[in-house]
Amino acid sequence: MVEEDRPGRNGRGRSATMHDVAGAAGVSTMTVSNVINGRSARVSDATRDRVLQVIADLGYRVNTTARSLRRGRTGIIGLAVPDLKAEYYGHLADRLARRLRAHGLRLAIEGTGGRLRAELDVLATAHMDTYDAVVLSVASGDVDDLDERQPDKPVVLVGERAMKSRYHHVYMDNIGGARLATGHLLDGGSRAIVALGGVDGDRESVGELRVKGYRAAHEERGLTVDPDLVVDCYLTAESAHEALTGLLRRGTRIDGVFALADSAAAGAFRALADAGLAVPEQVAVIGFDNLPSGRYTVPSLSTIEPGNEEAADAVCAMLLAQLAGDDGGPRLVMPEASLVVRDSTRAVPAGTAGPTDARASRRR
């Protein structure tokens, strides 16, 4: 079926339609529909170029609402995240919205609070009727939990750990990124490094995975970890400030902080300033996530870039492939983490870089 659409003017005071485009280009309305919907294999390059030029000349615009209704679609992609206040998820939403907009899709955001029941509810059939597809940031669910649901629409998971389920999944290299961050601090001379927001355990939460990388960097250099320096707290500025302040008040000596998220690094900066400790001269600090705000802290924050843009590209590619019906089955994608060196960490002496610093560092 072809689309009868609106705005644009045909020179007679009314909005241009697909029939107007077809007439001006000397082709059928089906050919115009093929061009608009990307079915380029059915149209020659010359014809495609001529139709696109006429569309531009007439100011023809696709009526996405009517098209969605005819296709049984809403034109909306849902994004469910654990924390609507977190800067990281705001930037994730922005990256996805910009990419989806180019394909005539809108993004709607909702919060799960990181609760298992809320994550499962997002995948319930009645809930998914609101959307054409859903991107779910997994905080509590695991493979067995999620596979209980049988949504009949596309789903892409984003989260901290790889889960071999029947869903597409884009996740971070938490262990590798944490090894890079901790290795950079160690190679810069730090020996008493706080893993701020870290957790020892086997549930493979973000705190547990990044602590594994933190420990691996020490082990690779023949160093041991003081268990008192693995400090459990929420990955917020407030919680990190409170936790690090408490550690310093107990007289614990530190000379480095690996904040497991850039948001936690902001709280660490405040706690260190309150204690009269200079960054990076006395305590080097590195974060994780490469949030834009890190460029503007004083000093600017060294951090781990987890492949934010690459992850957004992968999520959108998976969504579009599923919506087109040719996704090829579930895939796991993990962008490579890299080190972003700014002013909050010490320079690494030449020739002393450890094994986790093999990937190129950069300032930006």
Protein backbone atom coordinates (compact mmCIF):
# COMPACT_ATOMS: atom_id res chain seq x y z
CA MET A 1 0.00 0.00 0.00
CA VAL A 2 1.23 3.53 -0.76
CA GLU A 3 1.06 6.54 1.53
CA GLU A 4 -1.10 9.63 0.88
CA ASP A 5 0.76 12.37 2.62
CA ARG A 6 1.03 15.98 3.48
CA PRO A 7 3.00 18.90 4.08
CA GLY A 8 4.79 20.57 1.20
CA ARG A 9 3.05 22.60 -1.49
CA ASN A 10 2.27 21.53 -5.03
CA GLY A 11 2.01 25.05 -6.43
CA ARG A 12 -1.79 25.14 -6.16
CA GLY A 13 -1.99 26.12 -2.50
CA ARG A 14 -2.41 22.67 -1.04
CA SER A 15 -0.02 20.15 0.44
CA ALA A 16 1.88 17.98 -2.03
CA THR A 17 0.83 14.32 -2.18
CA MET A 18 2.54 11.20 -3.39
CA HIS A 19 0.49 11.49 -6.59
CA ASP A 20 1.96 14.96 -7.16
CA VAL A 21 5.49 13.59 -6.73
CA ALA A 22 4.78 10.69 -9.07
CA GLY A 23 3.31 12.99 -11.73
CA ALA A 24 6.18 15.49 -11.58
CA ALA A 25 8.78 12.70 -11.71
CA GLY A 26 7.00 10.75 -14.44
CA VAL A 27 6.79 7.55 -12.41
CA SER A 28 4.13 5.52 -10.61
CA THR A 29 3.11 6.10 -7.01
CA MET A 30 4.48 2.64 -6.22
CA THR A 31 7.91 3.75 -7.46
CA VAL A 32 7.73 6.80 -5.20
CA SER A 33 6.77 4.54 -2.30
CA ASN A 34 9.73 2.26 -3.04
CA VAL A 35 12.12 5.23 -2.96
CA ILE A 36 10.67 6.61 0.28
CA ASN A 37 10.80 3.24 2.03
CA GLY A 38 14.35 2.42 0.99
CA ARG A 39 13.45 -0.38 -1.42
CA SER A 40 16.20 0.83 -3.74
CA ALA A 41 16.76 -2.57 -5.39
CA ARG A 42 13.46 -2.08 -7.21
CA VAL A 43 14.37 1.35 -8.59
CA SER A 44 17.22 2.45 -10.88
CA ASP A 45 19.70 5.01 -9.57
CA ALA A 46 18.58 7.58 -12.14
CA THR A 47 14.91 7.17 -11.24
CA ARG A 48 15.68 7.29 -7.53
CA ASP A 49 17.65 10.52 -7.94
CA ARG A 50 14.85 12.07 -10.01
CA VAL A 51 12.19 11.17 -7.42
CA LEU A 52 14.30 12.50 -4.55
CA GLN A 53 14.82 15.78 -6.42
CA VAL A 54 11.08 16.19 -6.99
CA ILE A 55 10.41 15.41 -3.32
CA ALA A 56 12.85 18.17 -2.37
CA ASP A 57 11.39 20.63 -4.92
CA LEU A 58 7.81 20.06 -3.77
CA GLY A 59 8.65 19.92 -0.07
CA TYR A 60 6.84 16.61 0.18
CA ARG A 61 6.85 15.04 3.65
CA VAL A 62 5.81 11.51 4.65
CA ASN A 63 2.79 11.36 6.93
CA THR A 64 4.43 9.11 9.51
CA THR A 65 1.28 8.88 11.65
CA ALA A 66 -0.83 7.52 8.80
CA ARG A 67 1.94 5.20 7.69
CA SER A 68 2.37 3.80 11.19
CA LEU A 69 -1.35 3.15 11.53
CA ARG A 70 -1.43 1.30 8.22
CA ARG A 71 1.52 -0.83 9.25
CA GLY A 72 0.14 -1.49 12.71
CA ARG A 73 3.00 0.48 14.27
CA THR A 74 3.23 3.38 16.66
CA GLY A 75 6.51 4.86 15.44
CA ILE A 76 7.74 4.84 19.06
CA ILE A 77 10.69 2.96 20.56
CA GLY A 78 10.66 2.50 24.34
CA LEU A 79 13.80 2.93 26.45
CA ALA A 80 13.54 1.59 30.00
CA VAL A 81 16.39 2.55 32.36
CA PRO A 82 17.04 2.06 36.09
CA ASP A 83 17.51 5.73 37.01
CA LEU A 84 15.96 8.67 35.18
CA LYS A 85 18.13 11.13 37.16
CA ALA A 86 21.46 9.62 36.15
CA GLU A 87 23.49 11.66 33.66
CA TYR A 88 24.69 8.51 31.91
CA TYR A 89 21.17 7.43 30.94
CA GLY A 90 20.31 10.93 29.78
CA HIS A 91 23.18 10.83 27.32
CA LEU A 92 22.28 7.29 26.26
CA ALA A 93 18.74 8.46 25.51
CA ASP A 94 20.04 11.42 23.53
CA ARG A 95 22.33 9.23 21.41
CA LEU A 96 19.53 6.78 20.64
CA ALA A 97 16.93 9.47 19.97
CA ARG A 98 19.16 11.22 17.44
CA ARG A 99 19.80 8.01 15.53
CA LEU A 100 16.19 6.85 15.58
CA ARG A 101 14.88 10.25 14.50
CA ALA A 102 16.74 9.84 11.22
CA HIS A 103 14.54 6.79 10.57
CA GLY A 104 11.26 8.49 11.46
CA LEU A 105 11.10 6.92 14.92
CA ARG A 106 10.63 8.60 18.30
CA LEU A 107 12.05 7.54 21.66
CA ALA A 108 9.97 7.31 24.84
CA ILE A 109 11.78 6.89 28.17
CA GLU A 110 10.59 5.23 31.36
CA GLY A 111 12.22 4.27 34.63
CA THR A 112 12.36 0.84 36.26
CA GLY A 113 14.13 1.86 39.46
CA GLY A 114 16.42 -1.11 38.84
CA ARG A 115 13.70 -3.45 40.17
CA LEU A 116 13.29 -6.91 38.68
CA ARG A 117 9.50 -6.73 38.60
CA ALA A 118 9.56 -3.43 36.73
CA GLU A 119 12.07 -4.80 34.20
CA LEU A 120 9.88 -7.83 33.56
CA ASP A 121 6.78 -5.67 33.27
CA VAL A 122 8.42 -3.72 30.46
CA LEU A 123 8.52 -6.94 28.42
CA ALA A 124 4.89 -7.86 29.13
CA THR A 125 2.75 -7.99 26.00
CA ALA A 126 0.22 -5.43 27.23
CA HIS A 127 3.00 -2.99 28.05
CA MET A 128 4.83 -3.47 24.75
CA ASP A 129 1.69 -2.63 22.78
CA THR A 130 2.70 0.98 23.40
CA TYR A 131 5.89 0.58 21.37
CA ASP A 132 7.23 -0.84 18.13
CA ALA A 133 10.30 -2.11 20.00
CA VAL A 134 11.95 -1.78 23.40
CA VAL A 135 15.49 -1.11 24.61
CA LEU A 136 15.81 -2.39 28.18
CA SER A 137 18.71 -1.48 30.44
CA VAL A 138 19.03 -4.53 32.66
CA ALA A 139 19.97 -3.94 36.29
CA SER A 140 18.35 -6.85 38.17
CA GLY A 141 17.14 -9.45 35.68
CA ASP A 142 19.08 -12.45 34.46
CA VAL A 143 18.64 -14.88 31.57
CA ASP A 144 16.03 -17.09 33.25
CA ASP A 145 13.98 -14.09 34.41
CA LEU A 146 13.92 -12.41 31.02
CA ASP A 147 13.37 -15.56 28.98
CA GLU A 148 10.11 -16.16 30.84
CA ARG A 149 8.67 -13.29 28.83
CA GLN A 150 7.59 -13.89 25.24
CA PRO A 151 7.27 -10.42 23.70
CA ASP A 152 6.14 -10.39 20.08
CA LYS A 153 8.05 -7.20 19.27
CA PRO A 154 11.77 -6.46 18.91
CA VAL A 155 13.83 -6.15 22.10
CA VAL A 156 17.44 -5.06 22.59
CA LEU A 157 19.09 -5.33 26.00
CA VAL A 158 21.74 -2.95 27.24
CA GLY A 159 23.50 -3.67 30.49
CA GLU A 160 26.65 -4.43 32.34
CA ARG A 161 27.18 -8.14 31.69
CA ALA A 162 26.86 -10.54 28.81
CA MET A 163 23.72 -12.68 28.96
CA LYS A 164 23.29 -15.44 26.39
CA SER A 165 19.54 -15.13 26.07
CA ARG A 166 17.33 -15.00 23.00
CA TYR A 167 17.55 -11.19 22.96
CA HIS A 168 20.05 -8.96 21.22
CA HIS A 169 22.37 -7.44 23.82
CA VAL A 170 24.88 -4.56 23.81
CA TYR A 171 27.03 -4.41 26.92
CA MET A 172 30.19 -2.80 28.33
CA ASP A 173 33.66 -4.24 28.77
CA ASN A 174 33.51 -3.63 32.50
CA ILE A 175 36.41 -5.86 33.46
CA GLY A 176 38.69 -4.65 30.67
CA GLY A 177 37.82 -1.01 31.28
CA ALA A 178 38.46 -1.34 35.02
CA ARG A 179 41.84 -2.98 34.31
CA LEU A 180 42.75 -0.02 32.13
CA ALA A 181 41.68 2.52 34.76
CA THR A 182 43.41 0.80 37.68
CA GLY A 183 46.51 0.02 35.64
CA HIS A 184 46.83 3.68 34.69
CA LEU A 185 46.74 4.70 38.37
CA LEU A 186 49.26 2.02 39.34
CA ASP A 187 51.63 2.94 36.53
CA GLY A 188 51.38 6.58 37.60
CA GLY A 189 52.69 5.62 41.05
CA SER A 190 49.54 5.05 43.11
CA ARG A 191 49.61 2.07 45.47
CA ALA A 192 46.65 2.61 47.81
CA ILE A 193 43.76 2.86 45.35
CA VAL A 194 40.14 3.00 46.45
CA ALA A 195 37.63 1.13 44.29
CA LEU A 196 34.81 3.59 45.00
CA GLY A 197 31.48 1.86 44.44
CA GLY A 198 33.09 -1.55 44.29
CA VAL A 199 31.58 -4.83 45.47
CA ASP A 200 33.15 -8.25 45.91
CA GLY A 201 30.77 -10.99 44.78
CA ASP A 202 29.60 -13.22 41.94
CA ARG A 203 26.32 -11.68 40.78
CA GLU A 204 28.17 -9.80 38.01
CA SER A 205 26.72 -6.42 38.85
CA VAL A 206 28.61 -3.38 37.59
CA GLY A 207 30.32 -3.04 40.97
CA GLU A 208 31.42 -6.67 40.99
CA LEU A 209 32.62 -6.75 37.39
CA ARG A 210 34.66 -3.58 37.70
CA VAL A 211 36.24 -4.80 40.93
CA LYS A 212 37.37 -7.91 39.04
CA GLY A 213 39.20 -5.66 36.61
CA TYR A 214 40.59 -3.60 39.49
CA ARG A 215 41.98 -6.76 41.12
CA ALA A 216 43.31 -8.09 37.81
CA ALA A 217 45.38 -4.93 37.25
CA HIS A 218 46.99 -5.37 40.69
CA GLU A 219 47.68 -9.05 40.12
CA GLU A 220 49.32 -8.39 36.75
CA ARG A 221 51.83 -6.16 38.53
CA GLY A 222 52.42 -8.53 41.43
CA LEU A 223 50.53 -6.30 43.87
CA THR A 224 47.92 -7.17 46.50
CA VAL A 225 44.68 -5.38 47.19
CA ASP A 226 43.78 -4.04 50.63
CA PRO A 227 40.16 -5.25 51.09
CA ASP A 228 39.37 -2.09 53.08
CA LEU A 229 39.89 -0.08 49.89
CA VAL A 230 36.97 -1.76 48.10
CA VAL A 231 34.28 0.66 49.22
CA ASP A 232 30.64 -0.20 48.54
CA CYS A 233 28.38 2.74 47.76
CA TYR A 234 25.86 3.86 45.16
CA LEU A 235 27.37 5.30 41.99
CA THR A 236 26.09 8.80 42.73
CA ALA A 237 28.00 11.90 43.77
CA GLU A 238 26.21 12.03 47.13
CA SER A 239 26.82 8.41 48.08
CA ALA A 240 30.44 8.45 46.86
CA HIS A 241 31.15 11.65 48.80
CA GLU A 242 29.74 10.16 51.98
CA ALA A 243 31.61 6.86 51.57
CA LEU A 244 34.99 8.40 50.78
CA THR A 245 34.63 11.00 53.53
CA GLY A 246 34.02 8.19 56.03
CA LEU A 247 37.07 6.30 54.81
CA LEU A 248 39.32 9.35 55.15
CA ARG A 249 37.98 10.19 58.61
CA ARG A 250 38.97 6.71 59.75
CA GLY A 251 42.55 7.64 58.91
CA THR A 252 42.89 5.35 55.89
CA ARG A 253 45.82 6.40 53.71
CA ILE A 254 45.02 6.57 50.00
CA ASP A 255 46.82 7.92 46.96
CA GLY A 256 44.39 6.94 44.21
CA VAL A 257 40.65 6.64 43.56
CA PHE A 258 39.08 4.52 40.86
CA ALA A 259 35.51 5.80 40.89
CA LEU A 260 33.43 3.12 39.20
CA ALA A 261 31.38 5.82 37.45
CA ASP A 262 32.07 9.43 36.53
CA SER A 263 29.12 10.44 38.71
CA ALA A 264 30.88 8.90 41.72
CA ALA A 265 34.11 10.71 40.79
CA ALA A 266 32.32 14.04 41.31
CA GLY A 267 31.63 13.05 44.92
CA ALA A 268 35.23 11.91 45.33
CA PHE A 269 36.54 15.30 44.19
CA ARG A 270 34.46 17.01 46.89
CA ALA A 271 35.50 14.59 49.64
CA LEU A 272 39.18 15.01 48.77
CA ALA A 273 38.87 18.80 48.68
CA ASP A 274 37.15 18.77 52.08
CA ALA A 275 40.06 16.72 53.44
CA GLY A 276 42.63 19.13 51.98
CA LEU A 277 44.03 16.55 49.54
CA ALA A 278 45.19 17.82 46.14
CA VAL A 279 44.25 16.03 42.91
CA PRO A 280 46.34 14.58 41.32
CA GLU A 281 49.42 15.53 43.33
CA GLN A 282 48.36 13.63 46.45
CA VAL A 283 45.48 11.50 45.18
CA ALA A 284 44.96 10.60 41.52
CA VAL A 285 41.35 10.08 40.41
CA ILE A 286 39.87 8.27 37.43
CA GLY A 287 36.25 7.56 36.52
CA PHE A 288 34.32 5.34 34.10
CA ASP A 289 31.74 6.31 31.40
CA ASN A 290 33.35 9.37 29.74
CA LEU A 291 30.44 11.68 30.50
CA PRO A 292 30.78 15.10 28.82
CA SER A 293 30.76 16.86 32.22
CA GLY A 294 34.13 15.27 33.04
CA ARG A 295 35.87 17.62 30.64
CA TYR A 296 34.80 20.60 32.76
CA THR A 297 35.57 19.51 36.31
CA VAL A 298 38.60 21.01 38.06
CA PRO A 299 40.83 19.22 37.40
CA SER A 300 39.35 17.61 34.29
CA LEU A 301 38.53 13.96 34.89
CA SER A 302 40.49 11.06 33.44
CA THR A 303 38.04 8.30 32.62
CA ILE A 304 37.22 5.16 30.67
CA GLU A 305 35.41 5.52 27.36
CA PRO A 306 33.27 2.35 27.12
CA GLY A 307 32.39 2.81 23.44
CA ASN A 308 29.30 4.95 23.94
CA GLU A 309 28.83 5.90 20.28
CA GLU A 310 29.58 2.40 19.03
CA ALA A 311 27.05 0.97 21.49
CA ALA A 312 24.34 3.37 20.29
CA ASP A 313 25.10 2.45 16.67
CA ALA A 314 24.81 -1.25 17.51
CA VAL A 315 21.52 -0.85 19.41
CA CYS A 316 19.91 1.07 16.55
CA ALA A 317 21.19 -1.37 13.93
CA MET A 318 19.71 -4.27 15.90
CA LEU A 319 16.36 -2.49 16.29
CA LEU A 320 16.08 -1.54 12.62
CA ALA A 321 17.05 -5.02 11.46
CA GLN A 322 14.40 -6.59 13.67
CA LEU A 323 11.76 -4.12 12.53
CA ALA A 324 12.65 -4.98 8.93
CA GLY A 325 12.32 -8.69 9.72
CA ASP A 326 15.89 -9.69 8.79
CA ASP A 327 17.90 -9.43 12.01
CA GLY A 328 19.62 -12.83 11.67
CA GLY A 329 19.14 -13.94 15.26
CA PRO A 330 20.35 -12.62 18.64
CA ARG A 331 23.80 -11.07 18.86
CA LEU A 332 26.08 -10.00 21.70
CA VAL A 333 28.08 -6.82 21.06
CA MET A 334 30.74 -5.41 23.40
CA PRO A 335 32.53 -2.24 22.20
CA GLU A 336 36.17 -1.93 23.19
CA ALA A 337 36.93 0.22 26.23
CA SER A 338 39.71 2.81 26.03
CA LEU A 339 41.53 5.19 28.34
CA VAL A 340 40.90 8.94 28.27
CA VAL A 341 43.71 10.74 30.10
CA ARG A 342 43.05 14.21 31.48
CA ASP A 343 44.34 16.25 34.43
CA SER A 344 43.08 14.23 37.41
CA THR A 345 45.75 11.52 37.04
CA ARG A 346 49.53 11.62 37.05
CA ALA A 347 51.61 11.16 33.94
CA VAL A 348 52.92 7.63 33.49
CA PRO A 349 56.75 7.62 33.35
CA ALA A 350 58.13 6.48 30.01
CA GLY A 351 58.75 2.75 29.83
CA THR A 352 56.71 1.88 32.94
CA ALA A 353 53.29 1.19 31.42
CA GLY A 354 51.86 -2.14 32.49
CA PRO A 355 50.01 -4.68 30.34
CA THR A 356 46.60 -3.02 30.66
CA ASP A 357 47.89 0.24 29.17
CA ALA A 358 48.70 -1.33 25.82
CA ARG A 359 45.71 0.36 24.16
CA ALA A 360 46.23 3.95 23.15
CA SER A 361 45.42 6.65 25.68
CA ARG A 362 44.10 9.99 24.53
CA ARG A 363 43.18 13.39 25.86
CA ARG A 364 39.89 14.93 24.86
